[in-house]
Amino acid sequence: MRLGYWACRTSGSSNSSPADVSGTNPRGVARRRTQPTVPRPQELQAVIDLARTVISDDAVRPWLRSPNPGLGDRTPRDVIAAGEHQRVVDLLHALAEGVTS
C-alpha cells in the first residue's frame, strides 16, 4: 500500500524523503532530478525541419541524441531543452555551408 502525502505528514515523520511522501522508488526520484528537461515542441520541430534540409531524414533522430563537439559535447536535444535552441540552429546553418569545426 502506498502512503500518500497526508499519511506521511500525520505519522509524525518530519524526515520523510520525496520518495517516502510520494510512495515511489528513491532511485526514480533521483533519476527525475538528473534528467534533462524536455525541449519545447515548437523549438524542437523547427530544429528537426532544418536538420532534414542539412542531413538525411534517417540521420536526424540519432544526430539529435548524440553528443556534438560543436555544442560542447552536449546533445542537440539537451541544448534545446536548456533553452539554447539558437545554438543548434546556428550549428545546422554552419553545417549547411560546409563548416565542420
PDB file of N, CA and C in Angstrom:
ATOM      1  N   MET A   1       0.844  -1.179   0.000  1.00  0.00           N
ATOM      2  CA  MET A   1       0.000   0.000   0.000  1.00  0.00           C
ATOM      3  C   MET A   1       0.889   1.242   0.000  1.00  0.00           C
ATOM      4  N   ARG A   2       0.565   2.176  -0.870  1.00  0.00           N
ATOM      5  CA  ARG A   2       1.341   3.404  -0.970  1.00  0.00           C
ATOM      6  C   ARG A   2       0.842   4.435   0.030  1.00  0.00           C
ATOM      7  N   LEU A   3       1.785   5.081   0.684  1.00  0.00           N
ATOM      8  CA  LEU A   3       1.411   6.140   1.616  1.00  0.00           C
ATOM      9  C   LEU A   3       1.377   7.456   0.868  1.00  0.00           C
ATOM     10  N   GLY A   4       0.325   8.181   1.032  1.00  0.00           N
ATOM     11  CA  GLY A   4       0.211   9.488   0.410  1.00  0.00           C
ATOM     12  C   GLY A   4       0.853  10.564   1.261  1.00  0.00           C
ATOM     13  N   TYR A   5       0.817  11.766   0.759  1.00  0.00           N
ATOM     14  CA  TYR A   5       1.403  12.911   1.441  1.00  0.00           C
ATOM     15  C   TYR A   5       0.836  13.071   2.848  1.00  0.00           C
ATOM     16  N   TRP A   6      -0.476  13.033   2.962  1.00  0.00           N
ATOM     17  CA  TRP A   6      -1.092  13.276   4.265  1.00  0.00           C
ATOM     18  C   TRP A   6      -0.775  12.171   5.253  1.00  0.00           C
ATOM     19  N   ALA A   7      -0.651  10.940   4.800  1.00  0.00           N
ATOM     20  CA  ALA A   7      -0.315   9.843   5.707  1.00  0.00           C
ATOM     21  C   ALA A   7       1.061  10.059   6.305  1.00  0.00           C
ATOM     22  N   CYS A   8       2.007  10.502   5.485  1.00  0.00           N
ATOM     23  CA  CYS A   8       3.364  10.758   5.990  1.00  0.00           C
ATOM     24  C   CYS A   8       3.378  11.961   6.917  1.00  0.00           C
ATOM     25  N   ARG A   9       2.604  12.981   6.596  1.00  0.00           N
ATOM     26  CA  ARG A   9       2.588  14.188   7.415  1.00  0.00           C
ATOM     27  C   ARG A   9       1.937  13.920   8.772  1.00  0.00           C
ATOM     28  N   THR A  10       0.937  13.067   8.808  1.00  0.00           N
ATOM     29  CA  THR A  10       0.251  12.828  10.072  1.00  0.00           C
ATOM     30  C   THR A  10       0.930  11.752  10.898  1.00  0.00           C
ATOM     31  N   SER A  11       1.896  11.028  10.315  1.00  0.00           N
ATOM     32  CA  SER A  11       2.556   9.970  11.065  1.00  0.00           C
ATOM     33  C   SER A  11       3.643  10.518  11.976  1.00  0.00           C
ATOM     34  N   GLY A  12       3.872  11.841  11.902  1.00  0.00           N
ATOM     35  CA  GLY A  12       4.874  12.447  12.766  1.00  0.00           C
ATOM     36  C   GLY A  12       6.282  12.357  12.202  1.00  0.00           C
ATOM     37  N   SER A  13       6.420  11.869  11.015  1.00  0.00           N
ATOM     38  CA  SER A  13       7.739  11.753  10.401  1.00  0.00           C
ATOM     39  C   SER A  13       8.105  13.061   9.722  1.00  0.00           C
ATOM     40  N   SER A  14       9.000  13.819  10.337  1.00  0.00           N
ATOM     41  CA  SER A  14       9.407  15.092   9.742  1.00  0.00           C
ATOM     42  C   SER A  14      10.591  14.925   8.805  1.00  0.00           C
ATOM     43  N   ASN A  15      11.182  13.733   8.774  1.00  0.00           N
ATOM     44  CA  ASN A  15      12.341  13.488   7.923  1.00  0.00           C
ATOM     45  C   ASN A  15      11.990  12.657   6.693  1.00  0.00           C
ATOM     46  N   SER A  16      10.761  12.713   6.241  1.00  0.00           N
ATOM     47  CA  SER A  16      10.340  11.929   5.092  1.00  0.00           C
ATOM     48  C   SER A  16      11.006  12.443   3.825  1.00  0.00           C
ATOM     49  N   SER A  17      11.473  11.515   3.020  1.00  0.00           N
ATOM     50  CA  SER A  17      12.079  11.884   1.743  1.00  0.00           C
ATOM     51  C   SER A  17      10.984  12.050   0.707  1.00  0.00           C
ATOM     52  N   PRO A  18      11.306  12.687  -0.445  1.00  0.00           N
ATOM     53  CA  PRO A  18      10.302  12.791  -1.508  1.00  0.00           C
ATOM     54  C   PRO A  18       9.777  11.425  -1.943  1.00  0.00           C
ATOM     55  N   ALA A  19      10.644  10.419  -1.947  1.00  0.00           N
ATOM     56  CA  ALA A  19      10.209   9.075  -2.332  1.00  0.00           C
ATOM     57  C   ALA A  19       9.220   8.518  -1.309  1.00  0.00           C
ATOM     58  N   ASP A  20       9.485   8.758  -0.009  1.00  0.00           N
ATOM     59  CA  ASP A  20       8.560   8.296   1.030  1.00  0.00           C
ATOM     60  C   ASP A  20       7.198   8.972   0.895  1.00  0.00           C
ATOM     61  N   VAL A  21       7.231  10.267   0.684  1.00  0.00           N
ATOM     62  CA  VAL A  21       5.997  11.043   0.599  1.00  0.00           C
ATOM     63  C   VAL A  21       5.179  10.633  -0.608  1.00  0.00           C
ATOM     64  N   SER A  22       5.857  10.421  -1.747  1.00  0.00           N
ATOM     65  CA  SER A  22       5.118  10.103  -2.972  1.00  0.00           C
ATOM     66  C   SER A  22       4.871   8.613  -3.146  1.00  0.00           C
ATOM     67  N   GLY A  23       5.495   7.792  -2.314  1.00  0.00           N
ATOM     68  CA  GLY A  23       5.312   6.358  -2.426  1.00  0.00           C
ATOM     69  C   GLY A  23       6.010   5.765  -3.635  1.00  0.00           C
ATOM     70  N   THR A  24       7.127   6.376  -4.045  1.00  0.00           N
ATOM     71  CA  THR A  24       7.869   5.898  -5.210  1.00  0.00           C
ATOM     72  C   THR A  24       9.230   5.377  -4.797  1.00  0.00           C
ATOM     73  N   ASN A  25       9.918   4.809  -5.753  1.00  0.00           N
ATOM     74  CA  ASN A  25      11.256   4.290  -5.548  1.00  0.00           C
ATOM     75  C   ASN A  25      12.251   5.455  -5.449  1.00  0.00           C
ATOM     76  N   PRO A  26      13.154   5.467  -4.455  1.00  0.00           N
ATOM     77  CA  PRO A  26      14.130   6.558  -4.328  1.00  0.00           C
ATOM     78  C   PRO A  26      15.002   6.735  -5.577  1.00  0.00           C
ATOM     79  N   ARG A  27      15.325   5.633  -6.263  1.00  0.00           N
ATOM     80  CA  ARG A  27      16.123   5.762  -7.487  1.00  0.00           C
ATOM     81  C   ARG A  27      15.360   6.509  -8.569  1.00  0.00           C
ATOM     82  N   GLY A  28      14.050   6.308  -8.633  1.00  0.00           N
ATOM     83  CA  GLY A  28      13.232   7.015  -9.610  1.00  0.00           C
ATOM     84  C   GLY A  28      13.213   8.512  -9.351  1.00  0.00           C
ATOM     85  N   VAL A  29      13.135   8.886  -8.073  1.00  0.00           N
ATOM     86  CA  VAL A  29      13.163  10.302  -7.715  1.00  0.00           C
ATOM     87  C   VAL A  29      14.505  10.907  -8.098  1.00  0.00           C
ATOM     88  N   ALA A  30      15.594  10.214  -7.791  1.00  0.00           N
ATOM     89  CA  ALA A  30      16.927  10.722  -8.133  1.00  0.00           C
ATOM     90  C   ALA A  30      17.088  10.849  -9.642  1.00  0.00           C
ATOM     91  N   ARG A  31      16.579   9.882 -10.399  1.00  0.00           N
ATOM     92  CA  ARG A  31      16.691   9.923 -11.864  1.00  0.00           C
ATOM     93  C   ARG A  31      15.933  11.128 -12.413  1.00  0.00           C
ATOM     94  N   ARG A  32      14.744  11.404 -11.898  1.00  0.00           N
ATOM     95  CA  ARG A  32      13.976  12.541 -12.391  1.00  0.00           C
ATOM     96  C   ARG A  32      14.680  13.858 -12.112  1.00  0.00           C
ATOM     97  N   ARG A  33      15.408  13.910 -11.012  1.00  0.00           N
ATOM     98  CA  ARG A  33      16.127  15.143 -10.682  1.00  0.00           C
ATOM     99  C   ARG A  33      17.295  15.391 -11.622  1.00  0.00           C
ATOM    100  N   THR A  34      17.884  14.324 -12.175  1.00  0.00           N
ATOM    101  CA  THR A  34      19.066  14.489 -13.024  1.00  0.00           C
ATOM    102  C   THR A  34      18.754  14.451 -14.509  1.00  0.00           C
ATOM    103  N   GLN A  35      17.549  14.059 -14.897  1.00  0.00           N
ATOM    104  CA  GLN A  35      17.205  14.012 -16.312  1.00  0.00           C
ATOM    105  C   GLN A  35      17.092  15.420 -16.861  1.00  0.00           C
ATOM    106  N   PRO A  36      17.553  15.588 -18.120  1.00  0.00           N
ATOM    107  CA  PRO A  36      17.398  16.905 -18.727  1.00  0.00           C
ATOM    108  C   PRO A  36      15.918  17.221 -18.938  1.00  0.00           C
ATOM    109  N   THR A  37      15.617  18.494 -18.992  1.00  0.00           N
ATOM    110  CA  THR A  37      14.247  18.874 -19.250  1.00  0.00           C
ATOM    111  C   THR A  37      13.882  18.550 -20.691  1.00  0.00           C
ATOM    112  N   VAL A  38      12.622  18.513 -20.966  1.00  0.00           N
ATOM    113  CA  VAL A  38      12.143  18.193 -22.306  1.00  0.00           C
ATOM    114  C   VAL A  38      12.137  19.471 -23.142  1.00  0.00           C
ATOM    115  N   PRO A  39      12.649  19.386 -24.386  1.00  0.00           N
ATOM    116  CA  PRO A  39      12.646  20.588 -25.234  1.00  0.00           C
ATOM    117  C   PRO A  39      11.222  21.036 -25.545  1.00  0.00           C
ATOM    118  N   ARG A  40      11.068  22.326 -25.773  1.00  0.00           N
ATOM    119  CA  ARG A  40       9.767  22.838 -26.175  1.00  0.00           C
ATOM    120  C   ARG A  40       9.438  22.307 -27.562  1.00  0.00           C
ATOM    121  N   PRO A  41       8.208  21.852 -27.776  1.00  0.00           N
ATOM    122  CA  PRO A  41       7.850  21.222 -29.048  1.00  0.00           C
ATOM    123  C   PRO A  41       8.099  22.099 -30.265  1.00  0.00           C
ATOM    124  N   GLN A  42       7.784  23.392 -30.193  1.00  0.00           N
ATOM    125  CA  GLN A  42       7.952  24.241 -31.370  1.00  0.00           C
ATOM    126  C   GLN A  42       9.421  24.445 -31.709  1.00  0.00           C
ATOM    127  N   GLU A  43      10.279  24.554 -30.707  1.00  0.00           N
ATOM    128  CA  GLU A  43      11.706  24.713 -30.967  1.00  0.00           C
ATOM    129  C   GLU A  43      12.295  23.425 -31.516  1.00  0.00           C
ATOM    130  N   LEU A  44      11.897  22.306 -30.933  1.00  0.00           N
ATOM    131  CA  LEU A  44      12.386  21.016 -31.403  1.00  0.00           C
ATOM    132  C   LEU A  44      11.941  20.772 -32.841  1.00  0.00           C
ATOM    133  N   GLN A  45      10.700  21.083 -33.161  1.00  0.00           N
ATOM    134  CA  GLN A  45      10.199  20.871 -34.524  1.00  0.00           C
ATOM    135  C   GLN A  45      10.932  21.758 -35.519  1.00  0.00           C
ATOM    136  N   ALA A  46      11.212  22.998 -35.141  1.00  0.00           N
ATOM    137  CA  ALA A  46      11.957  23.899 -36.034  1.00  0.00           C
ATOM    138  C   ALA A  46      13.347  23.343 -36.315  1.00  0.00           C
ATOM    139  N   VAL A  47      13.997  22.811 -35.302  1.00  0.00           N
ATOM    140  CA  VAL A  47      15.329  22.228 -35.486  1.00  0.00           C
ATOM    141  C   VAL A  47      15.237  20.973 -36.354  1.00  0.00           C
ATOM    142  N   ILE A  48      14.241  20.136 -36.119  1.00  0.00           N
ATOM    143  CA  ILE A  48      14.076  18.923 -36.926  1.00  0.00           C
ATOM    144  C   ILE A  48      13.856  19.288 -38.389  1.00  0.00           C
ATOM    145  N   ASP A  49      12.990  20.271 -38.646  1.00  0.00           N
ATOM    146  CA  ASP A  49      12.730  20.687 -40.025  1.00  0.00           C
ATOM    147  C   ASP A  49      13.998  21.192 -40.697  1.00  0.00           C
ATOM    148  N   LEU A  50      14.773  21.980 -39.990  1.00  0.00           N
ATOM    149  CA  LEU A  50      16.027  22.489 -40.547  1.00  0.00           C
ATOM    150  C   LEU A  50      17.031  21.357 -40.735  1.00  0.00           C
ATOM    151  N   ALA A  51      17.122  20.463 -39.756  1.00  0.00           N
ATOM    152  CA  ALA A  51      18.076  19.348 -39.843  1.00  0.00           C
ATOM    153  C   ALA A  51      17.779  18.472 -41.057  1.00  0.00           C
ATOM    154  N   ARG A  52      16.519  18.307 -41.391  1.00  0.00           N
ATOM    155  CA  ARG A  52      16.153  17.485 -42.554  1.00  0.00           C
ATOM    156  C   ARG A  52      16.620  18.094 -43.868  1.00  0.00           C
ATOM    157  N   THR A  53      16.867  19.396 -43.874  1.00  0.00           N
ATOM    158  CA  THR A  53      17.393  20.023 -45.094  1.00  0.00           C
ATOM    159  C   THR A  53      18.911  19.902 -45.182  1.00  0.00           C
ATOM    160  N   VAL A  54      19.536  19.577 -44.054  1.00  0.00           N
ATOM    161  CA  VAL A  54      21.001  19.518 -43.994  1.00  0.00           C
ATOM    162  C   VAL A  54      21.515  18.088 -44.003  1.00  0.00           C
ATOM    163  N   ILE A  55      20.848  17.201 -43.252  1.00  0.00           N
ATOM    164  CA  ILE A  55      21.260  15.800 -43.184  1.00  0.00           C
ATOM    165  C   ILE A  55      20.079  14.921 -43.564  1.00  0.00           C
ATOM    166  N   SER A  56      20.323  13.661 -43.806  1.00  0.00           N
ATOM    167  CA  SER A  56      19.252  12.766 -44.256  1.00  0.00           C
ATOM    168  C   SER A  56      18.218  12.560 -43.151  1.00  0.00           C
ATOM    169  N   ASP A  57      16.986  12.280 -43.585  1.00  0.00           N
ATOM    170  CA  ASP A  57      15.896  12.058 -42.626  1.00  0.00           C
ATOM    171  C   ASP A  57      16.231  10.961 -41.622  1.00  0.00           C
ATOM    172  N   ASP A  58      16.866   9.897 -42.094  1.00  0.00           N
ATOM    173  CA  ASP A  58      17.199   8.775 -41.210  1.00  0.00           C
ATOM    174  C   ASP A  58      18.243   9.145 -40.163  1.00  0.00           C
ATOM    175  N   ALA A  59      19.041  10.152 -40.437  1.00  0.00           N
ATOM    176  CA  ALA A  59      20.122  10.527 -39.527  1.00  0.00           C
ATOM    177  C   ALA A  59      19.713  11.599 -38.515  1.00  0.00           C
ATOM    178  N   VAL A  60      18.551  12.210 -38.692  1.00  0.00           N
ATOM    179  CA  VAL A  60      18.157  13.318 -37.818  1.00  0.00           C
ATOM    180  C   VAL A  60      18.000  12.867 -36.370  1.00  0.00           C
ATOM    181  N   ARG A  61      17.239  11.808 -36.128  1.00  0.00           N
ATOM    182  CA  ARG A  61      16.992  11.370 -34.752  1.00  0.00           C
ATOM    183  C   ARG A  61      18.284  10.978 -34.029  1.00  0.00           C
ATOM    184  N   PRO A  62      19.161  10.158 -34.642  1.00  0.00           N
ATOM    185  CA  PRO A  62      20.421   9.855 -33.946  1.00  0.00           C
ATOM    186  C   PRO A  62      21.284  11.104 -33.738  1.00  0.00           C
ATOM    187  N   TRP A  63      21.243  12.035 -34.686  1.00  0.00           N
ATOM    188  CA  TRP A  63      22.037  13.263 -34.556  1.00  0.00           C
ATOM    189  C   TRP A  63      21.552  14.071 -33.356  1.00  0.00           C
ATOM    190  N   LEU A  64      20.242  14.156 -33.161  1.00  0.00           N
ATOM    191  CA  LEU A  64      19.682  14.913 -32.035  1.00  0.00           C
ATOM    192  C   LEU A  64      20.080  14.324 -30.689  1.00  0.00           C
ATOM    193  N   ARG A  65      20.340  13.020 -30.660  1.00  0.00           N
ATOM    194  CA  ARG A  65      20.628  12.335 -29.393  1.00  0.00           C
ATOM    195  C   ARG A  65      22.109  12.050 -29.167  1.00  0.00           C
ATOM    196  N   SER A  66      22.955  12.512 -30.077  1.00  0.00           N
ATOM    197  CA  SER A  66      24.394  12.228 -29.973  1.00  0.00           C
ATOM    198  C   SER A  66      25.154  13.470 -29.521  1.00  0.00           C
ATOM    199  N   PRO A  67      26.145  13.294 -28.642  1.00  0.00           N
ATOM    200  CA  PRO A  67      26.980  14.435 -28.249  1.00  0.00           C
ATOM    201  C   PRO A  67      27.648  15.045 -29.475  1.00  0.00           C
ATOM    202  N   ASN A  68      27.713  16.368 -29.500  1.00  0.00           N
ATOM    203  CA  ASN A  68      28.249  17.071 -30.655  1.00  0.00           C
ATOM    204  C   ASN A  68      29.354  18.017 -30.202  1.00  0.00           C
ATOM    205  N   PRO A  69      30.556  17.905 -30.815  1.00  0.00           N
ATOM    206  CA  PRO A  69      31.657  18.794 -30.423  1.00  0.00           C
ATOM    207  C   PRO A  69      31.323  20.274 -30.622  1.00  0.00           C
ATOM    208  N   GLY A  70      30.510  20.586 -31.614  1.00  0.00           N
ATOM    209  CA  GLY A  70      30.132  21.969 -31.869  1.00  0.00           C
ATOM    210  C   GLY A  70      29.216  22.550 -30.803  1.00  0.00           C
ATOM    211  N   LEU A  71      28.711  21.684 -29.930  1.00  0.00           N
ATOM    212  CA  LEU A  71      27.835  22.106 -28.841  1.00  0.00           C
ATOM    213  C   LEU A  71      28.455  21.786 -27.483  1.00  0.00           C
ATOM    214  N   GLY A  72      29.774  21.729 -27.456  1.00  0.00           N
ATOM    215  CA  GLY A  72      30.460  21.422 -26.197  1.00  0.00           C
ATOM    216  C   GLY A  72      30.235  19.996 -25.748  1.00  0.00           C
ATOM    217  N   ASP A  73      30.132  19.089 -26.705  1.00  0.00           N
ATOM    218  CA  ASP A  73      29.883  17.663 -26.451  1.00  0.00           C
ATOM    219  C   ASP A  73      28.542  17.399 -25.760  1.00  0.00           C
ATOM    220  N   ARG A  74      27.624  18.321 -25.884  1.00  0.00           N
ATOM    221  CA  ARG A  74      26.249  18.108 -25.433  1.00  0.00           C
ATOM    222  C   ARG A  74      25.427  17.654 -26.624  1.00  0.00           C
ATOM    223  N   THR A  75      24.325  16.990 -26.367  1.00  0.00           N
ATOM    224  CA  THR A  75      23.462  16.578 -27.473  1.00  0.00           C
ATOM    225  C   THR A  75      22.629  17.782 -27.913  1.00  0.00           C
ATOM    226  N   PRO A  76      22.282  17.844 -29.200  1.00  0.00           N
ATOM    227  CA  PRO A  76      21.406  18.933 -29.640  1.00  0.00           C
ATOM    228  C   PRO A  76      20.104  18.974 -28.846  1.00  0.00           C
ATOM    229  N   ARG A  77      19.562  17.811 -28.524  1.00  0.00           N
ATOM    230  CA  ARG A  77      18.316  17.751 -27.751  1.00  0.00           C
ATOM    231  C   ARG A  77      18.491  18.407 -26.375  1.00  0.00           C
ATOM    232  N   ASP A  78      19.615  18.149 -25.702  1.00  0.00           N
ATOM    233  CA  ASP A  78      19.850  18.744 -24.391  1.00  0.00           C
ATOM    234  C   ASP A  78      20.046  20.258 -24.482  1.00  0.00           C
ATOM    235  N   VAL A  79      20.703  20.699 -25.545  1.00  0.00           N
ATOM    236  CA  VAL A  79      20.920  22.137 -25.740  1.00  0.00           C
ATOM    237  C   VAL A  79      19.577  22.832 -25.967  1.00  0.00           C
ATOM    238  N   ILE A  80      18.714  22.214 -26.765  1.00  0.00           N
ATOM    239  CA  ILE A  80      17.378  22.775 -26.997  1.00  0.00           C
ATOM    240  C   ILE A  80      16.600  22.814 -25.689  1.00  0.00           C
ATOM    241  N   ALA A  81      16.665  21.737 -24.925  1.00  0.00           N
ATOM    242  CA  ALA A  81      15.944  21.666 -23.646  1.00  0.00           C
ATOM    243  C   ALA A  81      16.432  22.718 -22.663  1.00  0.00           C
ATOM    244  N   ALA A  82      17.692  23.102 -22.783  1.00  0.00           N
ATOM    245  CA  ALA A  82      18.250  24.122 -21.894  1.00  0.00           C
ATOM    246  C   ALA A  82      17.873  25.533 -22.344  1.00  0.00           C
ATOM    247  N   GLY A  83      17.065  25.630 -23.411  1.00  0.00           N
ATOM    248  CA  GLY A  83      16.626  26.938 -23.882  1.00  0.00           C
ATOM    249  C   GLY A  83      17.589  27.599 -24.839  1.00  0.00           C
ATOM    250  N   GLU A  84      18.523  26.833 -25.388  1.00  0.00           N
ATOM    251  CA  GLU A  84      19.542  27.391 -26.276  1.00  0.00           C
ATOM    252  C   GLU A  84      19.386  26.857 -27.696  1.00  0.00           C
ATOM    253  N   HIS A  85      18.144  26.744 -28.169  1.00  0.00           N
ATOM    254  CA  HIS A  85      17.926  26.148 -29.490  1.00  0.00           C
ATOM    255  C   HIS A  85      18.610  26.918 -30.606  1.00  0.00           C
ATOM    256  N   GLN A  86      18.851  28.218 -30.403  1.00  0.00           N
ATOM    257  CA  GLN A  86      19.520  29.002 -31.452  1.00  0.00           C
ATOM    258  C   GLN A  86      20.942  28.498 -31.705  1.00  0.00           C
ATOM    259  N   ARG A  87      21.596  27.969 -30.683  1.00  0.00           N
ATOM    260  CA  ARG A  87      22.933  27.385 -30.877  1.00  0.00           C
ATOM    261  C   ARG A  87      22.869  26.213 -31.842  1.00  0.00           C
ATOM    262  N   VAL A  88      21.824  25.391 -31.731  1.00  0.00           N
ATOM    263  CA  VAL A  88      21.657  24.235 -32.612  1.00  0.00           C
ATOM    264  C   VAL A  88      21.330  24.708 -34.022  1.00  0.00           C
ATOM    265  N   VAL A  89      20.482  25.721 -34.130  1.00  0.00           N
ATOM    266  CA  VAL A  89      20.152  26.289 -35.443  1.00  0.00           C
ATOM    267  C   VAL A  89      21.413  26.839 -36.105  1.00  0.00           C
ATOM    268  N   ASP A  90      22.224  27.565 -35.348  1.00  0.00           N
ATOM    269  CA  ASP A  90      23.474  28.114 -35.892  1.00  0.00           C
ATOM    270  C   ASP A  90      24.410  26.999 -36.353  1.00  0.00           C
ATOM    271  N   LEU A  91      24.483  25.925 -35.576  1.00  0.00           N
ATOM    272  CA  LEU A  91      25.320  24.786 -35.956  1.00  0.00           C
ATOM    273  C   LEU A  91      24.828  24.172 -37.261  1.00  0.00           C
ATOM    274  N   LEU A  92      23.532  24.007 -37.402  1.00  0.00           N
ATOM    275  CA  LEU A  92      22.983  23.440 -38.633  1.00  0.00           C
ATOM    276  C   LEU A  92      23.244  24.343 -39.839  1.00  0.00           C
ATOM    277  N   HIS A  93      23.135  25.649 -39.651  1.00  0.00           N
ATOM    278  CA  HIS A  93      23.455  26.575 -40.740  1.00  0.00           C
ATOM    279  C   HIS A  93      24.928  26.463 -41.136  1.00  0.00           C
ATOM    280  N   ALA A  94      25.797  26.323 -40.135  1.00  0.00           N
ATOM    281  CA  ALA A  94      27.226  26.163 -40.420  1.00  0.00           C
ATOM    282  C   ALA A  94      27.473  24.853 -41.188  1.00  0.00           C
ATOM    283  N   LEU A  95      26.803  23.772 -40.770  1.00  0.00           N
ATOM    284  CA  LEU A  95      26.945  22.504 -41.473  1.00  0.00           C
ATOM    285  C   LEU A  95      26.449  22.625 -42.915  1.00  0.00           C
ATOM    286  N   ALA A  96      25.360  23.349 -43.119  1.00  0.00           N
ATOM    287  CA  ALA A  96      24.810  23.540 -44.460  1.00  0.00           C
ATOM    288  C   ALA A  96      25.787  24.290 -45.362  1.00  0.00           C
ATOM    289  N   GLU A  97      26.586  25.175 -44.756  1.00  0.00           N
ATOM    290  CA  GLU A  97      27.572  25.932 -45.521  1.00  0.00           C
ATOM    291  C   GLU A  97      28.906  25.207 -45.661  1.00  0.00           C
ATOM    292  N   GLY A  98      28.983  24.020 -45.067  1.00  0.00           N
ATOM    293  CA  GLY A  98      30.200  23.234 -45.203  1.00  0.00           C
ATOM    294  C   GLY A  98      31.228  23.447 -44.113  1.00  0.00           C
ATOM    295  N   VAL A  99      30.901  24.227 -43.100  1.00  0.00           N
ATOM    296  CA  VAL A  99      31.812  24.439 -41.976  1.00  0.00           C
ATOM    297  C   VAL A  99      31.717  23.235 -41.065  1.00  0.00           C
ATOM    298  N   THR A 100      32.844  22.581 -40.793  1.00  0.00           N
ATOM    299  CA  THR A 100      32.814  21.369 -39.968  1.00  0.00           C
ATOM    300  C   THR A 100      33.396  21.567 -38.586  1.00  0.00           C
ATOM    301  N   SER A 101      34.074  22.675 -38.329  1.00  0.00           N
ATOM    302  CA  SER A 101      34.585  22.899 -36.970  1.00  0.00           C
ATOM    303  C   SER A 101      34.652  24.363 -36.657  1.00  0.00           C
TER     304      SER A 101
END
